[in-house]
Amino acid sequence: SRGLGDVYKRQSGSTENFTKLMNDRAKQAGATDTHFANANGLHDDNHYVTAYDMAMIMNDAIQYPAFLDVIHATEYTIPANNKRKKPYPSIQRHMMIHPTSQYYDADVIGGKTGYTDEAGNTLITLADNGKMRLICVEMATRGQHIYDDTRSLLDYAFAGFSRQEAKSSILE
């Protein structure tokens, strides 16, 4: 499948530049132990990321309403523009947002799936129960239980934690 790196390469001729931008932007988002070696996410020994960094990247990305629209949609078509003449269809593979899926969860806003033979499954999930918003990251798993595990982690966090306001004197 073609990703943003492929689109960037066609437009600028350099996936290296795009990969550098990805690394710079990840650091801006608070990712401290991440290095992207390519723009497509496929295996490379110099390509690594931690669960914490994935959560930081997701937390940064959800500040953009257009990103939230994309990760919440079961299907999304990126419209044609001055760089791409045809619309680009995309199907969301995160089963927790599909109402007909056995893994559907109304608290889940959206997320991102990933898989390589070497890394296994990755699932990043944004959920909100009306009281608290959470990001759950699972990495290096095998099989569909990743959705049940994510639901268990979200249930545990929603039941066991609550949002608290910190007094300014504590922050100072």
N, C-alpha and C. Protein backbone atom coordinates (compact mmCIF):
# COMPACT_ATOMS: atom_id res chain seq x y z
N SER A 1 0.84 -1.19 0.00
CA SER A 1 0.00 0.00 0.00
C SER A 1 0.88 1.25 0.00
N ARG A 2 0.33 2.31 -0.52
CA ARG A 2 1.09 3.56 -0.59
C ARG A 2 0.78 4.39 0.63
N GLY A 3 1.83 4.95 1.23
CA GLY A 3 1.66 5.82 2.38
C GLY A 3 2.06 7.24 2.06
N LEU A 4 2.06 8.08 3.08
CA LEU A 4 2.43 9.47 2.89
C LEU A 4 3.85 9.63 2.38
N GLY A 5 4.74 8.72 2.80
CA GLY A 5 6.11 8.79 2.31
C GLY A 5 6.19 8.62 0.81
N ASP A 6 5.35 7.72 0.27
CA ASP A 6 5.31 7.52 -1.18
C ASP A 6 4.79 8.76 -1.89
N VAL A 7 3.75 9.38 -1.31
CA VAL A 7 3.21 10.61 -1.89
C VAL A 7 4.28 11.69 -1.86
N TYR A 8 4.99 11.82 -0.73
CA TYR A 8 6.03 12.83 -0.60
C TYR A 8 7.14 12.59 -1.61
N LYS A 9 7.52 11.32 -1.80
CA LYS A 9 8.58 10.99 -2.74
C LYS A 9 8.21 11.43 -4.15
N ARG A 10 6.96 11.17 -4.54
CA ARG A 10 6.53 11.58 -5.87
C ARG A 10 6.56 13.11 -6.01
N GLN A 11 6.30 13.81 -4.92
CA GLN A 11 6.23 15.26 -4.99
C GLN A 11 7.61 15.92 -4.88
N SER A 12 8.49 15.38 -4.05
CA SER A 12 9.77 16.04 -3.81
C SER A 12 10.97 15.23 -4.27
N GLY A 13 10.77 13.93 -4.51
CA GLY A 13 11.87 13.09 -4.93
C GLY A 13 12.69 12.54 -3.78
N SER A 14 12.29 12.77 -2.52
CA SER A 14 13.13 12.34 -1.41
C SER A 14 12.33 11.84 -0.22
N THR A 15 12.38 10.52 0.01
CA THR A 15 11.77 10.00 1.23
C THR A 15 12.68 10.28 2.43
N GLU A 16 13.97 10.49 2.18
CA GLU A 16 14.89 10.81 3.27
C GLU A 16 14.49 12.13 3.93
N ASN A 17 14.13 13.11 3.13
CA ASN A 17 13.69 14.39 3.69
C ASN A 17 12.43 14.22 4.51
N PHE A 18 11.49 13.41 3.99
CA PHE A 18 10.25 13.18 4.71
C PHE A 18 10.52 12.46 6.02
N THR A 19 11.41 11.47 6.01
CA THR A 19 11.75 10.72 7.21
C THR A 19 12.40 11.64 8.24
N LYS A 20 13.25 12.55 7.80
CA LYS A 20 13.84 13.53 8.72
C LYS A 20 12.76 14.40 9.34
N LEU A 21 11.80 14.84 8.54
CA LEU A 21 10.69 15.63 9.07
C LEU A 21 9.88 14.82 10.09
N MET A 22 9.69 13.53 9.82
CA MET A 22 8.97 12.66 10.77
C MET A 22 9.71 12.61 12.11
N ASN A 23 11.03 12.43 12.07
CA ASN A 23 11.81 12.38 13.31
C ASN A 23 11.77 13.71 14.05
N ASP A 24 11.90 14.80 13.33
CA ASP A 24 11.84 16.13 13.96
C ASP A 24 10.48 16.35 14.61
N ARG A 25 9.43 16.00 13.89
CA ARG A 25 8.07 16.23 14.40
C ARG A 25 7.78 15.33 15.59
N ALA A 26 8.28 14.10 15.59
CA ALA A 26 8.11 13.19 16.73
C ALA A 26 8.75 13.78 17.98
N LYS A 27 9.93 14.33 17.84
CA LYS A 27 10.60 14.97 18.98
C LYS A 27 9.79 16.15 19.50
N GLN A 28 9.24 16.96 18.60
CA GLN A 28 8.39 18.08 19.01
C GLN A 28 7.18 17.60 19.78
N ALA A 29 6.69 16.41 19.47
CA ALA A 29 5.51 15.85 20.13
C ALA A 29 5.85 15.24 21.49
N GLY A 30 7.14 15.17 21.82
CA GLY A 30 7.55 14.61 23.11
C GLY A 30 8.09 13.20 23.04
N ALA A 31 8.27 12.68 21.85
CA ALA A 31 8.83 11.34 21.68
C ALA A 31 10.34 11.41 21.89
N THR A 32 10.83 10.70 22.89
CA THR A 32 12.25 10.79 23.26
C THR A 32 13.07 9.57 22.85
N ASP A 33 12.39 8.45 22.56
CA ASP A 33 13.10 7.22 22.22
C ASP A 33 12.58 6.64 20.91
N THR A 34 12.52 7.50 19.90
CA THR A 34 11.98 7.11 18.59
C THR A 34 12.96 7.50 17.50
N HIS A 35 13.11 6.61 16.53
CA HIS A 35 13.86 6.95 15.33
C HIS A 35 13.20 6.26 14.15
N PHE A 36 12.68 7.06 13.24
CA PHE A 36 12.11 6.53 12.01
C PHE A 36 13.22 6.42 10.98
N ALA A 37 13.37 5.23 10.40
CA ALA A 37 14.40 5.01 9.40
C ALA A 37 13.83 5.07 7.98
N ASN A 38 12.51 5.04 7.90
CA ASN A 38 11.86 5.13 6.60
C ASN A 38 10.48 5.75 6.80
N ALA A 39 9.87 6.13 5.72
CA ALA A 39 8.57 6.80 5.80
C ALA A 39 7.39 5.84 5.74
N ASN A 40 7.64 4.56 5.46
CA ASN A 40 6.53 3.63 5.29
C ASN A 40 6.25 2.76 6.50
N GLY A 41 7.14 2.77 7.50
CA GLY A 41 6.92 1.98 8.70
C GLY A 41 7.32 0.53 8.60
N LEU A 42 7.83 0.11 7.43
CA LEU A 42 8.27 -1.27 7.30
C LEU A 42 9.57 -1.49 8.05
N HIS A 43 9.87 -2.75 8.34
CA HIS A 43 11.01 -3.08 9.20
C HIS A 43 12.33 -2.52 8.68
N ASP A 44 13.08 -2.00 9.62
CA ASP A 44 14.47 -1.57 9.41
C ASP A 44 15.10 -1.63 10.80
N ASP A 45 16.30 -2.18 10.91
CA ASP A 45 16.95 -2.30 12.22
C ASP A 45 17.15 -0.95 12.91
N ASN A 46 17.15 0.12 12.14
CA ASN A 46 17.33 1.47 12.71
C ASN A 46 16.00 2.20 12.92
N HIS A 47 14.92 1.48 12.81
CA HIS A 47 13.58 2.05 12.94
C HIS A 47 12.99 1.54 14.26
N TYR A 48 12.76 2.44 15.22
CA TYR A 48 12.23 2.01 16.51
C TYR A 48 11.39 3.10 17.16
N VAL A 49 10.49 2.66 18.02
CA VAL A 49 9.61 3.57 18.75
C VAL A 49 9.13 2.85 20.01
N THR A 50 8.89 3.60 21.07
CA THR A 50 8.39 3.02 22.31
C THR A 50 6.88 3.25 22.41
N ALA A 51 6.23 2.50 23.28
CA ALA A 51 4.79 2.70 23.51
C ALA A 51 4.53 4.11 24.05
N TYR A 52 5.38 4.57 24.96
CA TYR A 52 5.24 5.93 25.49
C TYR A 52 5.30 6.95 24.36
N ASP A 53 6.26 6.79 23.47
CA ASP A 53 6.39 7.75 22.36
C ASP A 53 5.20 7.70 21.42
N MET A 54 4.65 6.50 21.19
CA MET A 54 3.45 6.40 20.36
C MET A 54 2.30 7.16 21.01
N ALA A 55 2.18 7.06 22.32
CA ALA A 55 1.13 7.80 23.04
C ALA A 55 1.37 9.31 22.92
N MET A 56 2.61 9.73 23.01
CA MET A 56 2.92 11.17 22.89
C MET A 56 2.61 11.67 21.48
N ILE A 57 2.93 10.88 20.48
CA ILE A 57 2.65 11.26 19.09
C ILE A 57 1.13 11.34 18.88
N MET A 58 0.40 10.35 19.39
CA MET A 58 -1.06 10.37 19.28
C MET A 58 -1.64 11.58 20.01
N ASN A 59 -1.15 11.85 21.21
CA ASN A 59 -1.64 12.99 21.99
C ASN A 59 -1.43 14.30 21.24
N ASP A 60 -0.33 14.41 20.56
CA ASP A 60 -0.06 15.61 19.77
C ASP A 60 -0.98 15.66 18.55
N ALA A 61 -1.14 14.55 17.88
CA ALA A 61 -1.94 14.51 16.64
C ALA A 61 -3.41 14.81 16.89
N ILE A 62 -3.94 14.41 18.05
CA ILE A 62 -5.37 14.61 18.30
C ILE A 62 -5.72 16.07 18.58
N GLN A 63 -4.72 16.93 18.62
CA GLN A 63 -4.99 18.36 18.76
C GLN A 63 -5.54 18.95 17.47
N TYR A 64 -5.44 18.20 16.38
CA TYR A 64 -5.89 18.67 15.07
C TYR A 64 -7.24 18.04 14.74
N PRO A 65 -8.30 18.85 14.62
CA PRO A 65 -9.64 18.30 14.33
C PRO A 65 -9.69 17.42 13.08
N ALA A 66 -8.94 17.76 12.06
CA ALA A 66 -8.95 16.94 10.84
C ALA A 66 -8.42 15.54 11.13
N PHE A 67 -7.43 15.43 11.99
CA PHE A 67 -6.89 14.12 12.36
C PHE A 67 -7.95 13.30 13.10
N LEU A 68 -8.66 13.94 14.02
CA LEU A 68 -9.73 13.25 14.74
C LEU A 68 -10.81 12.76 13.77
N ASP A 69 -11.15 13.58 12.79
CA ASP A 69 -12.13 13.16 11.78
C ASP A 69 -11.67 11.91 11.06
N VAL A 70 -10.41 11.87 10.69
CA VAL A 70 -9.87 10.74 9.93
C VAL A 70 -9.85 9.47 10.78
N ILE A 71 -9.35 9.54 12.02
CA ILE A 71 -9.24 8.31 12.82
C ILE A 71 -10.58 7.82 13.33
N HIS A 72 -11.61 8.68 13.30
CA HIS A 72 -12.93 8.26 13.76
C HIS A 72 -13.78 7.68 12.63
N ALA A 73 -13.43 7.97 11.41
CA ALA A 73 -14.20 7.50 10.27
C ALA A 73 -13.84 6.06 9.93
N THR A 74 -14.86 5.25 9.63
CA THR A 74 -14.58 3.88 9.21
C THR A 74 -14.02 3.87 7.80
N GLU A 75 -14.42 4.85 7.00
CA GLU A 75 -13.87 5.06 5.66
C GLU A 75 -13.64 6.54 5.49
N TYR A 76 -12.57 6.89 4.80
CA TYR A 76 -12.25 8.30 4.60
C TYR A 76 -11.61 8.46 3.23
N THR A 77 -12.03 9.47 2.52
CA THR A 77 -11.42 9.75 1.23
C THR A 77 -10.69 11.07 1.30
N ILE A 78 -9.39 11.02 1.09
CA ILE A 78 -8.59 12.23 1.06
C ILE A 78 -8.87 12.89 -0.28
N PRO A 79 -9.38 14.12 -0.27
CA PRO A 79 -9.76 14.74 -1.53
C PRO A 79 -8.57 15.06 -2.43
N ALA A 80 -8.85 15.15 -3.71
CA ALA A 80 -7.82 15.59 -4.66
C ALA A 80 -7.43 17.02 -4.32
N ASN A 81 -6.21 17.36 -4.65
CA ASN A 81 -5.74 18.74 -4.43
C ASN A 81 -4.73 19.10 -5.51
N ASN A 82 -4.00 20.18 -5.31
CA ASN A 82 -3.06 20.61 -6.35
C ASN A 82 -1.85 19.66 -6.48
N LYS A 83 -1.64 18.78 -5.53
CA LYS A 83 -0.53 17.83 -5.59
C LYS A 83 -0.97 16.45 -6.06
N ARG A 84 -2.22 16.11 -5.81
CA ARG A 84 -2.74 14.78 -6.15
C ARG A 84 -4.05 14.98 -6.89
N LYS A 85 -4.12 14.50 -8.11
CA LYS A 85 -5.26 14.77 -8.99
C LYS A 85 -6.48 13.91 -8.67
N LYS A 86 -6.27 12.75 -8.03
CA LYS A 86 -7.38 11.85 -7.74
C LYS A 86 -7.59 11.75 -6.23
N PRO A 87 -8.83 11.58 -5.80
CA PRO A 87 -9.08 11.32 -4.37
C PRO A 87 -8.41 10.00 -3.97
N TYR A 88 -8.03 9.89 -2.70
CA TYR A 88 -7.35 8.71 -2.20
C TYR A 88 -8.21 8.06 -1.11
N PRO A 89 -8.82 6.90 -1.38
CA PRO A 89 -9.68 6.26 -0.37
C PRO A 89 -8.85 5.52 0.68
N SER A 90 -9.36 5.55 1.91
CA SER A 90 -8.68 4.87 3.01
C SER A 90 -9.74 4.19 3.87
N ILE A 91 -9.47 2.97 4.30
CA ILE A 91 -10.39 2.23 5.17
C ILE A 91 -9.74 2.07 6.53
N GLN A 92 -10.46 2.43 7.58
CA GLN A 92 -9.96 2.30 8.95
C GLN A 92 -9.97 0.83 9.35
N ARG A 93 -8.84 0.32 9.79
CA ARG A 93 -8.73 -1.08 10.18
C ARG A 93 -8.88 -1.30 11.69
N HIS A 94 -9.06 -0.23 12.43
CA HIS A 94 -9.23 -0.33 13.89
C HIS A 94 -10.66 -0.81 14.15
N MET A 95 -10.81 -2.06 14.54
CA MET A 95 -12.12 -2.71 14.64
C MET A 95 -12.99 -2.18 15.78
N MET A 96 -12.41 -1.42 16.71
CA MET A 96 -13.21 -0.94 17.84
C MET A 96 -14.09 0.25 17.47
N ILE A 97 -13.94 0.80 16.26
CA ILE A 97 -14.83 1.89 15.85
C ILE A 97 -15.88 1.45 14.84
N HIS A 98 -15.81 0.22 14.38
CA HIS A 98 -16.78 -0.30 13.42
C HIS A 98 -18.01 -0.83 14.18
N PRO A 99 -19.17 -0.19 14.03
CA PRO A 99 -20.36 -0.62 14.79
C PRO A 99 -20.77 -2.07 14.55
N THR A 100 -20.41 -2.65 13.43
CA THR A 100 -20.79 -4.04 13.15
C THR A 100 -19.74 -5.05 13.64
N SER A 101 -18.64 -4.57 14.19
CA SER A 101 -17.56 -5.45 14.65
C SER A 101 -17.86 -6.00 16.04
N GLN A 102 -17.44 -7.21 16.30
CA GLN A 102 -17.56 -7.78 17.64
C GLN A 102 -16.71 -7.03 18.65
N TYR A 103 -15.76 -6.25 18.17
CA TYR A 103 -14.87 -5.49 19.06
C TYR A 103 -15.33 -4.04 19.26
N TYR A 104 -16.44 -3.66 18.66
CA TYR A 104 -16.92 -2.28 18.73
C TYR A 104 -17.04 -1.81 20.17
N ASP A 105 -16.66 -0.57 20.40
CA ASP A 105 -16.77 0.05 21.71
C ASP A 105 -17.15 1.51 21.51
N ALA A 106 -18.28 1.92 22.05
CA ALA A 106 -18.77 3.28 21.86
C ALA A 106 -17.84 4.34 22.46
N ASP A 107 -17.02 3.97 23.43
CA ASP A 107 -16.08 4.93 24.03
C ASP A 107 -14.87 5.22 23.13
N VAL A 108 -14.63 4.35 22.18
CA VAL A 108 -13.44 4.51 21.33
C VAL A 108 -13.72 5.55 20.25
N ILE A 109 -12.85 6.55 20.22
CA ILE A 109 -12.94 7.63 19.23
C ILE A 109 -12.25 7.21 17.93
N GLY A 110 -11.13 6.54 18.06
CA GLY A 110 -10.38 6.12 16.88
C GLY A 110 -9.02 5.62 17.26
N GLY A 111 -8.20 5.42 16.26
CA GLY A 111 -6.86 4.94 16.53
C GLY A 111 -6.12 4.55 15.29
N LYS A 112 -5.05 3.81 15.49
CA LYS A 112 -4.17 3.41 14.40
C LYS A 112 -3.73 1.98 14.64
N THR A 113 -3.78 1.19 13.58
CA THR A 113 -3.27 -0.17 13.63
C THR A 113 -1.93 -0.22 12.92
N GLY A 114 -1.18 -1.24 13.20
CA GLY A 114 0.07 -1.47 12.49
C GLY A 114 0.48 -2.92 12.60
N TYR A 115 1.23 -3.38 11.61
CA TYR A 115 1.72 -4.75 11.65
C TYR A 115 2.93 -4.90 10.74
N THR A 116 3.94 -5.55 11.24
CA THR A 116 5.01 -6.11 10.42
C THR A 116 5.32 -7.49 10.99
N ASP A 117 5.91 -8.36 10.17
CA ASP A 117 6.28 -9.69 10.66
C ASP A 117 7.20 -9.59 11.86
N GLU A 118 8.15 -8.66 11.81
CA GLU A 118 9.16 -8.54 12.86
C GLU A 118 8.57 -7.93 14.14
N ALA A 119 7.73 -6.93 14.02
CA ALA A 119 7.22 -6.21 15.20
C ALA A 119 5.90 -6.77 15.72
N GLY A 120 5.20 -7.53 14.92
CA GLY A 120 3.88 -8.00 15.33
C GLY A 120 2.83 -6.90 15.18
N ASN A 121 1.76 -7.01 15.95
CA ASN A 121 0.67 -6.04 15.88
C ASN A 121 0.92 -4.86 16.81
N THR A 122 0.50 -3.70 16.35
CA THR A 122 0.47 -2.49 17.16
C THR A 122 -0.94 -1.93 17.08
N LEU A 123 -1.45 -1.48 18.21
CA LEU A 123 -2.77 -0.86 18.24
C LEU A 123 -2.72 0.35 19.16
N ILE A 124 -3.02 1.50 18.60
CA ILE A 124 -3.09 2.74 19.38
C ILE A 124 -4.55 3.16 19.38
N THR A 125 -5.09 3.39 20.57
CA THR A 125 -6.52 3.65 20.71
C THR A 125 -6.76 4.89 21.54
N LEU A 126 -7.62 5.76 21.04
CA LEU A 126 -8.08 6.94 21.77
C LEU A 126 -9.51 6.67 22.21
N ALA A 127 -9.78 6.78 23.51
CA ALA A 127 -11.12 6.52 24.04
C ALA A 127 -11.50 7.63 25.01
N ASP A 128 -12.81 7.87 25.12
CA ASP A 128 -13.34 8.89 26.02
C ASP A 128 -14.66 8.38 26.57
N ASN A 129 -14.76 8.29 27.90
CA ASN A 129 -16.00 7.80 28.51
C ASN A 129 -16.88 8.95 29.01
N GLY A 130 -16.57 10.16 28.61
CA GLY A 130 -17.32 11.32 29.04
C GLY A 130 -16.75 11.99 30.28
N LYS A 131 -15.90 11.30 31.00
CA LYS A 131 -15.25 11.84 32.19
C LYS A 131 -13.75 11.99 32.00
N MET A 132 -13.20 11.12 31.16
CA MET A 132 -11.76 11.08 30.98
C MET A 132 -11.44 10.58 29.58
N ARG A 133 -10.38 11.13 29.02
CA ARG A 133 -9.89 10.70 27.70
C ARG A 133 -8.58 9.95 27.92
N LEU A 134 -8.47 8.77 27.28
CA LEU A 134 -7.29 7.92 27.45
C LEU A 134 -6.71 7.53 26.10
N ILE A 135 -5.41 7.30 26.11
CA ILE A 135 -4.72 6.73 24.96
C ILE A 135 -4.11 5.41 25.44
N CYS A 136 -4.44 4.35 24.74
CA CYS A 136 -3.91 3.02 25.05
C CYS A 136 -3.02 2.58 23.90
N VAL A 137 -1.84 2.08 24.22
CA VAL A 137 -0.91 1.61 23.19
C VAL A 137 -0.52 0.17 23.50
N GLU A 138 -0.70 -0.69 22.53
CA GLU A 138 -0.22 -2.06 22.62
C GLU A 138 0.74 -2.31 21.48
N MET A 139 1.83 -2.97 21.78
CA MET A 139 2.84 -3.25 20.77
C MET A 139 3.35 -4.67 20.92
N ALA A 140 3.87 -5.21 19.83
CA ALA A 140 4.52 -6.53 19.81
C ALA A 140 3.59 -7.64 20.26
N THR A 141 2.35 -7.60 19.79
CA THR A 141 1.41 -8.67 20.10
C THR A 141 1.14 -9.49 18.85
N ARG A 142 0.52 -10.61 19.03
CA ARG A 142 0.16 -11.49 17.91
C ARG A 142 -1.31 -11.87 18.07
N GLY A 143 -2.10 -11.68 17.05
CA GLY A 143 -3.48 -12.14 17.06
C GLY A 143 -4.50 -11.07 17.39
N GLN A 144 -5.77 -11.44 17.27
CA GLN A 144 -6.89 -10.52 17.45
C GLN A 144 -7.17 -10.19 18.91
N HIS A 145 -6.57 -10.90 19.88
CA HIS A 145 -6.81 -10.60 21.29
C HIS A 145 -6.39 -9.17 21.65
N ILE A 146 -5.68 -8.52 20.75
CA ILE A 146 -5.23 -7.15 21.00
C ILE A 146 -6.42 -6.24 21.31
N TYR A 147 -7.57 -6.50 20.67
CA TYR A 147 -8.76 -5.68 20.93
C TYR A 147 -9.34 -5.97 22.30
N ASP A 148 -9.40 -7.22 22.70
CA ASP A 148 -9.88 -7.57 24.03
C ASP A 148 -8.95 -7.01 25.10
N ASP A 149 -7.64 -7.10 24.85
CA ASP A 149 -6.66 -6.56 25.80
C ASP A 149 -6.81 -5.04 25.92
N THR A 150 -7.01 -4.37 24.80
CA THR A 150 -7.20 -2.92 24.84
C THR A 150 -8.45 -2.58 25.64
N ARG A 151 -9.55 -3.30 25.41
CA ARG A 151 -10.79 -3.05 26.16
C ARG A 151 -10.55 -3.25 27.65
N SER A 152 -9.82 -4.31 28.02
CA SER A 152 -9.52 -4.56 29.44
C SER A 152 -8.71 -3.44 30.04
N LEU A 153 -7.70 -2.96 29.31
CA LEU A 153 -6.88 -1.86 29.82
C LEU A 153 -7.70 -0.57 29.98
N LEU A 154 -8.55 -0.29 29.00
CA LEU A 154 -9.40 0.90 29.09
C LEU A 154 -10.38 0.78 30.25
N ASP A 155 -11.01 -0.38 30.40
CA ASP A 155 -11.94 -0.60 31.52
C ASP A 155 -11.23 -0.38 32.85
N TYR A 156 -10.04 -0.95 32.98
CA TYR A 156 -9.26 -0.82 34.21
C TYR A 156 -8.96 0.65 34.51
N ALA A 157 -8.50 1.37 33.51
CA ALA A 157 -8.14 2.77 33.72
C ALA A 157 -9.37 3.64 34.00
N PHE A 158 -10.45 3.43 33.26
CA PHE A 158 -11.67 4.22 33.49
C PHE A 158 -12.23 3.96 34.88
N ALA A 159 -12.16 2.72 35.36
CA ALA A 159 -12.71 2.37 36.67
C ALA A 159 -11.77 2.76 37.81
N GLY A 160 -10.49 2.72 37.58
CA GLY A 160 -9.54 2.89 38.67
C GLY A 160 -8.92 4.27 38.81
N PHE A 161 -9.13 5.13 37.84
CA PHE A 161 -8.51 6.45 37.88
C PHE A 161 -9.55 7.52 37.59
N SER A 162 -9.25 8.72 38.03
CA SER A 162 -10.13 9.84 37.70
C SER A 162 -9.27 11.06 37.42
N ARG A 163 -9.87 11.96 36.70
CA ARG A 163 -9.18 13.19 36.36
C ARG A 163 -9.21 14.13 37.57
N GLN A 164 -8.07 14.70 37.89
CA GLN A 164 -7.96 15.60 39.04
C GLN A 164 -7.31 16.89 38.59
N GLU A 165 -7.77 18.00 39.12
CA GLU A 165 -7.13 19.29 38.86
C GLU A 165 -5.98 19.45 39.83
N ALA A 166 -4.82 19.81 39.32
CA ALA A 166 -3.65 20.07 40.17
C ALA A 166 -3.67 21.52 40.60
N LYS A 167 -3.40 21.76 41.86
CA LYS A 167 -3.35 23.14 42.35
C LYS A 167 -2.09 23.79 41.79
N SER A 168 -2.18 25.07 41.49
CA SER A 168 -1.05 25.76 40.87
C SER A 168 0.19 25.72 41.74
N SER A 169 0.04 25.70 43.07
CA SER A 169 1.21 25.66 43.95
C SER A 169 1.98 24.36 43.78
N ILE A 170 1.28 23.27 43.45
CA ILE A 170 1.95 22.00 43.20
C ILE A 170 2.78 22.10 41.95
N LEU A 171 2.21 22.72 40.92
CA LEU A 171 2.93 22.83 39.66
C LEU A 171 4.13 23.77 39.79
N GLU A 172 4.01 24.78 40.62
CA GLU A 172 5.13 25.71 40.78
C GLU A 172 6.26 25.06 41.51
